[in-house]
């Protein structure tokens, strides 16, 4: 069964979809999914939707969320920052932990691309059982180098926001500021649960070195991380 869910995060209502298994024993294990930059709760080629439906058919609940300003959630994309996404992520896991349908001791967090940043923070803070990172972003500050030309930097200083070519959305100063203050690898060092990282060799958006950095951050622990490297499939495993 799939249910539309609305959560309050700050001033905004966030849209989510809750997948409740129709078989298995309650309370169910559950996975919370965080989408990537400019993505949404369905994700590219419905990657999250298909994954959620598969997991639900195996007796695993899933909650997938649109961050503020993305998908069907309220808010403007230009007001989104890594900190607002982390705040949204907290609301998502607190919703799941308060629902008696799901086992608080069997929660997994899945983050794709920039969603891996939020996933790392949430998994470490709430001590979830499992953390799954798909094509993860390890160094948020590199986004600024990739997006901001000298001309766009000047525009950002003058107008407080920029419209990068090909993005289709404005980005505000707050977004670029948090790229330098949010440290997902430091949170990875604090996480003590199970870890699965998946990345492709032909990812043209985020090089596989990002996953190597996460792997090293998780490595000095009693529970060793697992890294799966795929030959091809691109950033979203097409």
C-alpha atoms as a PDB file:
ATOM      1  CA  UNK A   1       0.000   0.000   0.000  1.00  0.00           C
ATOM      2  CA  UNK A   2       1.197   3.513  -0.830  1.00  0.00           C
ATOM      3  CA  UNK A   3       0.085   6.581   1.113  1.00  0.00           C
ATOM      4  CA  UNK A   4       0.671  10.265   0.428  1.00  0.00           C
ATOM      5  CA  UNK A   5       2.146  11.942   3.504  1.00  0.00           C
ATOM      6  CA  UNK A   6       2.590  15.617   4.392  1.00  0.00           C
ATOM      7  CA  UNK A   7       5.114  16.646   7.036  1.00  0.00           C
ATOM      8  CA  UNK A   8       5.749  20.072   8.545  1.00  0.00           C
ATOM      9  CA  UNK A   9       9.370  21.249   8.423  1.00  0.00           C
ATOM     10  CA  UNK A  10       9.828  24.820   9.566  1.00  0.00           C
ATOM     11  CA  UNK A  11       7.378  26.959   7.589  1.00  0.00           C
ATOM     12  CA  UNK A  12       6.868  24.410   4.851  1.00  0.00           C
ATOM     13  CA  UNK A  13       4.801  21.310   4.191  1.00  0.00           C
ATOM     14  CA  UNK A  14       6.830  18.476   2.706  1.00  0.00           C
ATOM     15  CA  UNK A  15       5.426  15.843   0.378  1.00  0.00           C
ATOM     16  CA  UNK A  16       6.281  12.194   0.845  1.00  0.00           C
ATOM     17  CA  UNK A  17       5.130   8.711  -0.100  1.00  0.00           C
ATOM     18  CA  UNK A  18       4.965   5.938   2.473  1.00  0.00           C
ATOM     19  CA  UNK A  19       5.153   2.343   1.225  1.00  0.00           C
ATOM     20  CA  UNK A  20       3.598  -0.089   3.696  1.00  0.00           C
ATOM     21  CA  UNK A  21       4.280  -3.795   3.063  1.00  0.00           C
ATOM     22  CA  UNK A  22       1.293  -6.054   2.572  1.00  0.00           C
ATOM     23  CA  UNK A  23       3.178  -9.071   3.844  1.00  0.00           C
ATOM     24  CA  UNK A  24       5.672  -9.732   6.583  1.00  0.00           C
ATOM     25  CA  UNK A  25       5.506  -9.243  10.324  1.00  0.00           C
ATOM     26  CA  UNK A  26       4.964  -5.938  12.101  1.00  0.00           C
ATOM     27  CA  UNK A  27       6.800  -3.858  13.070  1.00  0.00           C
ATOM     28  CA  UNK A  28       8.435  -3.745   9.650  1.00  0.00           C
ATOM     29  CA  UNK A  29      12.013  -2.809   8.828  1.00  0.00           C
ATOM     30  CA  UNK A  30      12.021   0.457   6.906  1.00  0.00           C
ATOM     31  CA  UNK A  31      14.201   2.542   4.581  1.00  0.00           C
ATOM     32  CA  UNK A  32      14.062   6.343   4.354  1.00  0.00           C
ATOM     33  CA  UNK A  33      15.168   7.736   0.966  1.00  0.00           C
ATOM     34  CA  UNK A  34      16.763  11.138   0.306  1.00  0.00           C
ATOM     35  CA  UNK A  35      16.963  12.351  -3.295  1.00  0.00           C
ATOM     36  CA  UNK A  36      19.751  14.255  -5.008  1.00  0.00           C
ATOM     37  CA  UNK A  37      20.331  17.816  -6.215  1.00  0.00           C
ATOM     38  CA  UNK A  38      17.374  18.965  -8.391  1.00  0.00           C
ATOM     39  CA  UNK A  39      15.851  15.502  -7.920  1.00  0.00           C
ATOM     40  CA  UNK A  40      12.649  14.421  -6.208  1.00  0.00           C
ATOM     41  CA  UNK A  41      11.098  11.497  -4.365  1.00  0.00           C
ATOM     42  CA  UNK A  42      10.663   9.529  -7.613  1.00  0.00           C
ATOM     43  CA  UNK A  43      14.178  10.314  -8.889  1.00  0.00           C
ATOM     44  CA  UNK A  44      15.576   9.891 -12.395  1.00  0.00           C
ATOM     45  CA  UNK A  45      13.844   7.150 -14.444  1.00  0.00           C
ATOM     46  CA  UNK A  46      11.709   6.495 -11.320  1.00  0.00           C
ATOM     47  CA  UNK A  47      14.696   4.902  -9.571  1.00  0.00           C
ATOM     48  CA  UNK A  48      13.350   5.580  -6.070  1.00  0.00           C
ATOM     49  CA  UNK A  49       9.794   4.599  -6.943  1.00  0.00           C
ATOM     50  CA  UNK A  50      10.841   1.262  -8.432  1.00  0.00           C
ATOM     51  CA  UNK A  51      13.227   0.512  -5.576  1.00  0.00           C
ATOM     52  CA  UNK A  52      10.596   1.374  -2.972  1.00  0.00           C
ATOM     53  CA  UNK A  53       7.989  -0.866  -4.578  1.00  0.00           C
ATOM     54  CA  UNK A  54      10.449  -3.742  -4.786  1.00  0.00           C
ATOM     55  CA  UNK A  55      11.444  -3.403  -1.129  1.00  0.00           C
ATOM     56  CA  UNK A  56       7.812  -3.162  -0.079  1.00  0.00           C
ATOM     57  CA  UNK A  57       7.059  -6.412  -1.924  1.00  0.00           C
ATOM     58  CA  UNK A  58       9.756  -8.042   0.224  1.00  0.00           C
ATOM     59  CA  UNK A  59       8.260  -6.864   3.505  1.00  0.00           C
ATOM     60  CA  UNK A  60      10.333  -3.693   3.941  1.00  0.00           C
ATOM     61  CA  UNK A  61       8.642  -0.337   4.422  1.00  0.00           C
ATOM     62  CA  UNK A  62       9.903   2.745   2.594  1.00  0.00           C
ATOM     63  CA  UNK A  63       9.437   6.472   3.045  1.00  0.00           C
ATOM     64  CA  UNK A  64      10.603   8.743   0.238  1.00  0.00           C
ATOM     65  CA  UNK A  65      10.523  12.495   0.672  1.00  0.00           C
ATOM     66  CA  UNK A  66      10.668  15.645  -1.422  1.00  0.00           C
ATOM     67  CA  UNK A  67      12.985  18.158   0.222  1.00  0.00           C
ATOM     68  CA  UNK A  68      11.727  21.715   0.646  1.00  0.00           C
ATOM     69  CA  UNK A  69      11.557  23.418  -2.760  1.00  0.00           C
ATOM     70  CA  UNK A  70      11.746  20.130  -4.668  1.00  0.00           C
ATOM     71  CA  UNK A  71       9.074  17.917  -6.192  1.00  0.00           C
ATOM     72  CA  UNK A  72       5.652  18.493  -4.651  1.00  0.00           C
ATOM     73  CA  UNK A  73       6.923  20.069  -1.425  1.00  0.00           C
ATOM     74  CA  UNK A  74       6.312  23.698  -0.577  1.00  0.00           C
ATOM     75  CA  UNK A  75       9.017  26.338  -0.755  1.00  0.00           C
ATOM     76  CA  UNK A  76      11.277  27.802  -3.410  1.00  0.00           C
ATOM     77  CA  UNK A  77      14.280  25.884  -4.653  1.00  0.00           C
ATOM     78  CA  UNK A  78      16.460  29.002  -4.330  1.00  0.00           C
ATOM     79  CA  UNK A  79      15.921  28.919  -0.537  1.00  0.00           C
ATOM     80  CA  UNK A  80      17.180  25.339  -0.268  1.00  0.00           C
ATOM     81  CA  UNK A  81      20.486  24.736   1.522  1.00  0.00           C
ATOM     82  CA  UNK A  82      22.210  21.639   2.838  1.00  0.00           C
ATOM     83  CA  UNK A  83      21.038  22.649   6.303  1.00  0.00           C
ATOM     84  CA  UNK A  84      17.386  22.851   5.234  1.00  0.00           C
ATOM     85  CA  UNK A  85      17.713  19.387   3.710  1.00  0.00           C
ATOM     86  CA  UNK A  86      19.206  18.007   6.916  1.00  0.00           C
ATOM     87  CA  UNK A  87      16.335  19.590   8.858  1.00  0.00           C
ATOM     88  CA  UNK A  88      13.856  17.978   6.458  1.00  0.00           C
ATOM     89  CA  UNK A  89      15.630  14.663   6.903  1.00  0.00           C
ATOM     90  CA  UNK A  90      15.208  14.882  10.669  1.00  0.00           C
ATOM     91  CA  UNK A  91      11.481  15.410  10.261  1.00  0.00           C
ATOM     92  CA  UNK A  92      11.312  12.354   8.014  1.00  0.00           C
ATOM     93  CA  UNK A  93      13.060   9.969  10.380  1.00  0.00           C
ATOM     94  CA  UNK A  94      11.197  11.299  13.410  1.00  0.00           C
ATOM     95  CA  UNK A  95       7.945  10.611  11.572  1.00  0.00           C
ATOM     96  CA  UNK A  96       9.038   7.040  10.859  1.00  0.00           C
ATOM     97  CA  UNK A  97      10.290   6.467  14.409  1.00  0.00           C
ATOM     98  CA  UNK A  98       6.960   7.624  15.815  1.00  0.00           C
ATOM     99  CA  UNK A  99       4.942   5.251  13.619  1.00  0.00           C
ATOM    100  CA  UNK A 100       4.230   1.962  15.368  1.00  0.00           C
ATOM    101  CA  UNK A 101       4.194   0.138  12.023  1.00  0.00           C
ATOM    102  CA  UNK A 102       7.976   0.255  11.826  1.00  0.00           C
ATOM    103  CA  UNK A 103      10.804  -1.211  13.892  1.00  0.00           C
ATOM    104  CA  UNK A 104      12.933   1.608  15.348  1.00  0.00           C
ATOM    105  CA  UNK A 105      15.867  -0.815  15.573  1.00  0.00           C
ATOM    106  CA  UNK A 106      15.733  -1.718  11.876  1.00  0.00           C
ATOM    107  CA  UNK A 107      15.851   1.617  10.076  1.00  0.00           C
ATOM    108  CA  UNK A 108      17.954   2.132   6.970  1.00  0.00           C
ATOM    109  CA  UNK A 109      18.818   5.487   5.406  1.00  0.00           C
ATOM    110  CA  UNK A 110      19.451   5.747   1.666  1.00  0.00           C
ATOM    111  CA  UNK A 111      20.941   8.841   0.047  1.00  0.00           C
ATOM    112  CA  UNK A 112      21.559   9.433  -3.650  1.00  0.00           C
ATOM    113  CA  UNK A 113      24.156  11.956  -4.818  1.00  0.00           C
ATOM    114  CA  UNK A 114      23.759  15.125  -2.702  1.00  0.00           C
ATOM    115  CA  UNK A 115      21.136  13.248  -0.691  1.00  0.00           C
ATOM    116  CA  UNK A 116      24.044  11.235   0.718  1.00  0.00           C
ATOM    117  CA  UNK A 117      25.055  14.312   2.713  1.00  0.00           C
ATOM    118  CA  UNK A 118      21.729  14.379   4.546  1.00  0.00           C
ATOM    119  CA  UNK A 119      21.771  10.588   4.832  1.00  0.00           C
ATOM    120  CA  UNK A 120      25.180  10.643   6.547  1.00  0.00           C
ATOM    121  CA  UNK A 121      24.055  13.255   9.062  1.00  0.00           C
ATOM    122  CA  UNK A 122      20.770  11.527   9.859  1.00  0.00           C
ATOM    123  CA  UNK A 123      22.269   8.037  10.148  1.00  0.00           C
ATOM    124  CA  UNK A 124      24.984   9.241  12.522  1.00  0.00           C
ATOM    125  CA  UNK A 125      22.722  11.377  14.714  1.00  0.00           C
ATOM    126  CA  UNK A 126      19.890   8.863  14.995  1.00  0.00           C
ATOM    127  CA  UNK A 127      22.145   5.799  15.050  1.00  0.00           C
ATOM    128  CA  UNK A 128      20.245   3.918  12.405  1.00  0.00           C
ATOM    129  CA  UNK A 129      21.033   0.303  11.702  1.00  0.00           C
ATOM    130  CA  UNK A 130      22.055   0.756   8.068  1.00  0.00           C
ATOM    131  CA  UNK A 131      23.294   3.513   5.753  1.00  0.00           C
ATOM    132  CA  UNK A 132      23.220   3.122   1.962  1.00  0.00           C
ATOM    133  CA  UNK A 133      24.952   5.637  -0.299  1.00  0.00           C
ATOM    134  CA  UNK A 134      24.397   5.687  -4.054  1.00  0.00           C
ATOM    135  CA  UNK A 135      26.789   7.791  -6.155  1.00  0.00           C
ATOM    136  CA  UNK A 136      27.419   9.923  -3.061  1.00  0.00           C
ATOM    137  CA  UNK A 137      28.709  13.479  -2.815  1.00  0.00           C
ATOM    138  CA  UNK A 138      31.593  13.576  -0.335  1.00  0.00           C
ATOM    139  CA  UNK A 139      32.889  17.116  -0.908  1.00  0.00           C
ATOM    140  CA  UNK A 140      30.005  19.630  -1.114  1.00  0.00           C
ATOM    141  CA  UNK A 141      32.367  22.552  -1.707  1.00  0.00           C
ATOM    142  CA  UNK A 142      33.180  21.148  -5.149  1.00  0.00           C
ATOM    143  CA  UNK A 143      29.668  22.062  -6.302  1.00  0.00           C
ATOM    144  CA  UNK A 144      30.575  25.732  -6.056  1.00  0.00           C
ATOM    145  CA  UNK A 145      33.657  25.235  -8.207  1.00  0.00           C
ATOM    146  CA  UNK A 146      31.582  23.357 -10.762  1.00  0.00           C
ATOM    147  CA  UNK A 147      28.728  25.870 -10.936  1.00  0.00           C
ATOM    148  CA  UNK A 148      30.079  29.333 -10.205  1.00  0.00           C
ATOM    149  CA  UNK A 149      31.979  31.090 -12.962  1.00  0.00           C
ATOM    150  CA  UNK A 150      33.612  34.443 -12.236  1.00  0.00           C
ATOM    151  CA  UNK A 151      30.599  36.174 -13.773  1.00  0.00           C
ATOM    152  CA  UNK A 152      28.122  34.175 -11.691  1.00  0.00           C
ATOM    153  CA  UNK A 153      30.084  34.910  -8.509  1.00  0.00           C
ATOM    154  CA  UNK A 154      29.705  38.615  -9.182  1.00  0.00           C
ATOM    155  CA  UNK A 155      25.984  38.182  -9.827  1.00  0.00           C
ATOM    156  CA  UNK A 156      25.616  36.226  -6.585  1.00  0.00           C
ATOM    157  CA  UNK A 157      27.285  39.017  -4.623  1.00  0.00           C
ATOM    158  CA  UNK A 158      25.123  41.686  -6.232  1.00  0.00           C
ATOM    159  CA  UNK A 159      21.724  39.963  -6.336  1.00  0.00           C
ATOM    160  CA  UNK A 160      21.956  37.257  -3.691  1.00  0.00           C
ATOM    161  CA  UNK A 161      21.073  34.513  -6.144  1.00  0.00           C
ATOM    162  CA  UNK A 162      22.158  33.111  -9.511  1.00  0.00           C
ATOM    163  CA  UNK A 163      20.565  31.208 -12.390  1.00  0.00           C
ATOM    164  CA  UNK A 164      23.234  28.744 -13.599  1.00  0.00           C
ATOM    165  CA  UNK A 165      22.889  27.747 -17.277  1.00  0.00           C
ATOM    166  CA  UNK A 166      21.136  24.424 -17.736  1.00  0.00           C
ATOM    167  CA  UNK A 167      19.986  24.144 -14.129  1.00  0.00           C
ATOM    168  CA  UNK A 168      16.495  25.545 -14.569  1.00  0.00           C
ATOM    169  CA  UNK A 169      16.422  26.992 -11.047  1.00  0.00           C
ATOM    170  CA  UNK A 170      17.857  29.863  -9.040  1.00  0.00           C
ATOM    171  CA  UNK A 171      20.351  29.134  -6.268  1.00  0.00           C
ATOM    172  CA  UNK A 172      20.696  31.480  -3.290  1.00  0.00           C
ATOM    173  CA  UNK A 173      23.675  32.624  -1.241  1.00  0.00           C
ATOM    174  CA  UNK A 174      22.680  30.347   1.620  1.00  0.00           C
ATOM    175  CA  UNK A 175      23.131  27.285  -0.541  1.00  0.00           C
ATOM    176  CA  UNK A 176      26.711  28.159  -1.450  1.00  0.00           C
ATOM    177  CA  UNK A 177      27.516  29.155   2.132  1.00  0.00           C
ATOM    178  CA  UNK A 178      26.513  25.774   3.549  1.00  0.00           C
ATOM    179  CA  UNK A 179      28.614  23.951   0.970  1.00  0.00           C
ATOM    180  CA  UNK A 180      31.597  24.966   3.098  1.00  0.00           C
ATOM    181  CA  UNK A 181      30.131  24.315   6.543  1.00  0.00           C
ATOM    182  CA  UNK A 182      28.526  20.895   6.113  1.00  0.00           C
ATOM    183  CA  UNK A 183      31.041  18.039   6.473  1.00  0.00           C
ATOM    184  CA  UNK A 184      29.537  14.651   5.583  1.00  0.00           C
ATOM    185  CA  UNK A 185      32.806  12.743   5.937  1.00  0.00           C
ATOM    186  CA  UNK A 186      33.114  13.888   9.545  1.00  0.00           C
ATOM    187  CA  UNK A 187      29.646  12.491  10.204  1.00  0.00           C
ATOM    188  CA  UNK A 188      30.640   9.287   8.439  1.00  0.00           C
ATOM    189  CA  UNK A 189      33.433   8.915  10.979  1.00  0.00           C
ATOM    190  CA  UNK A 190      30.836   8.939  13.751  1.00  0.00           C
ATOM    191  CA  UNK A 191      28.539   6.340  12.222  1.00  0.00           C
ATOM    192  CA  UNK A 192      28.753   2.823  13.676  1.00  0.00           C
ATOM    193  CA  UNK A 193      26.135   0.853  11.733  1.00  0.00           C
ATOM    194  CA  UNK A 194      26.176  -1.168   8.525  1.00  0.00           C
ATOM    195  CA  UNK A 195      27.284   0.643   5.363  1.00  0.00           C
ATOM    196  CA  UNK A 196      26.740  -0.115   1.670  1.00  0.00           C
ATOM    197  CA  UNK A 197      28.169   2.209  -0.993  1.00  0.00           C
ATOM    198  CA  UNK A 198      27.449   1.803  -4.715  1.00  0.00           C
ATOM    199  CA  UNK A 199      29.088   3.805  -7.507  1.00  0.00           C
ATOM    200  CA  UNK A 200      29.737   3.344 -11.223  1.00  0.00           C
ATOM    201  CA  UNK A 201      33.052   3.800 -12.964  1.00  0.00           C
ATOM    202  CA  UNK A 202      31.419   5.907 -15.680  1.00  0.00           C
ATOM    203  CA  UNK A 203      29.691   8.412 -13.384  1.00  0.00           C
ATOM    204  CA  UNK A 204      30.213  11.722 -15.201  1.00  0.00           C
ATOM    205  CA  UNK A 205      28.505  13.766 -12.471  1.00  0.00           C
ATOM    206  CA  UNK A 206      30.431  12.657  -9.382  1.00  0.00           C
ATOM    207  CA  UNK A 207      33.667  10.686  -9.823  1.00  0.00           C
ATOM    208  CA  UNK A 208      34.003   7.401  -7.987  1.00  0.00           C
ATOM    209  CA  UNK A 209      36.671   9.007  -5.787  1.00  0.00           C
ATOM    210  CA  UNK A 210      33.824  10.426  -3.700  1.00  0.00           C
ATOM    211  CA  UNK A 211      32.823   6.884  -2.748  1.00  0.00           C
ATOM    212  CA  UNK A 212      36.435   5.978  -2.031  1.00  0.00           C
ATOM    213  CA  UNK A 213      36.560   8.883   0.432  1.00  0.00           C
ATOM    214  CA  UNK A 214      33.438   7.658   2.192  1.00  0.00           C
ATOM    215  CA  UNK A 215      34.824   4.132   2.275  1.00  0.00           C
ATOM    216  CA  UNK A 216      37.965   5.367   4.025  1.00  0.00           C
ATOM    217  CA  UNK A 217      35.926   7.439   6.472  1.00  0.00           C
ATOM    218  CA  UNK A 218      33.921   4.350   7.445  1.00  0.00           C
ATOM    219  CA  UNK A 219      36.835   1.929   7.320  1.00  0.00           C
ATOM    220  CA  UNK A 220      38.303   2.093  10.825  1.00  0.00           C
ATOM    221  CA  UNK A 221      35.352   0.444  12.544  1.00  0.00           C
ATOM    222  CA  UNK A 222      34.355  -2.930  13.894  1.00  0.00           C
ATOM    223  CA  UNK A 223      31.707  -3.251  11.166  1.00  0.00           C
ATOM    224  CA  UNK A 224      33.453  -2.885   7.829  1.00  0.00           C
ATOM    225  CA  UNK A 225      31.734  -0.966   5.017  1.00  0.00           C
ATOM    226  CA  UNK A 226      30.910  -2.628   1.724  1.00  0.00           C
ATOM    227  CA  UNK A 227      31.707  -0.858  -1.552  1.00  0.00           C
ATOM    228  CA  UNK A 228      30.215  -2.113  -4.825  1.00  0.00           C
ATOM    229  CA  UNK A 229      31.754  -0.724  -8.015  1.00  0.00           C
ATOM    230  CA  UNK A 230      29.740  -1.097 -11.213  1.00  0.00           C
ATOM    231  CA  UNK A 231      31.362  -0.912 -14.637  1.00  0.00           C
ATOM    232  CA  UNK A 232      28.657   1.293 -16.127  1.00  0.00           C
ATOM    233  CA  UNK A 233      25.283   2.847 -15.463  1.00  0.00           C
ATOM    234  CA  UNK A 234      26.126   6.499 -14.994  1.00  0.00           C
ATOM    235  CA  UNK A 235      25.172   8.647 -12.033  1.00  0.00           C
ATOM    236  CA  UNK A 236      21.727   7.128 -11.519  1.00  0.00           C
ATOM    237  CA  UNK A 237      22.364   3.539 -12.637  1.00  0.00           C
ATOM    238  CA  UNK A 238      20.610   3.639 -15.992  1.00  0.00           C
END
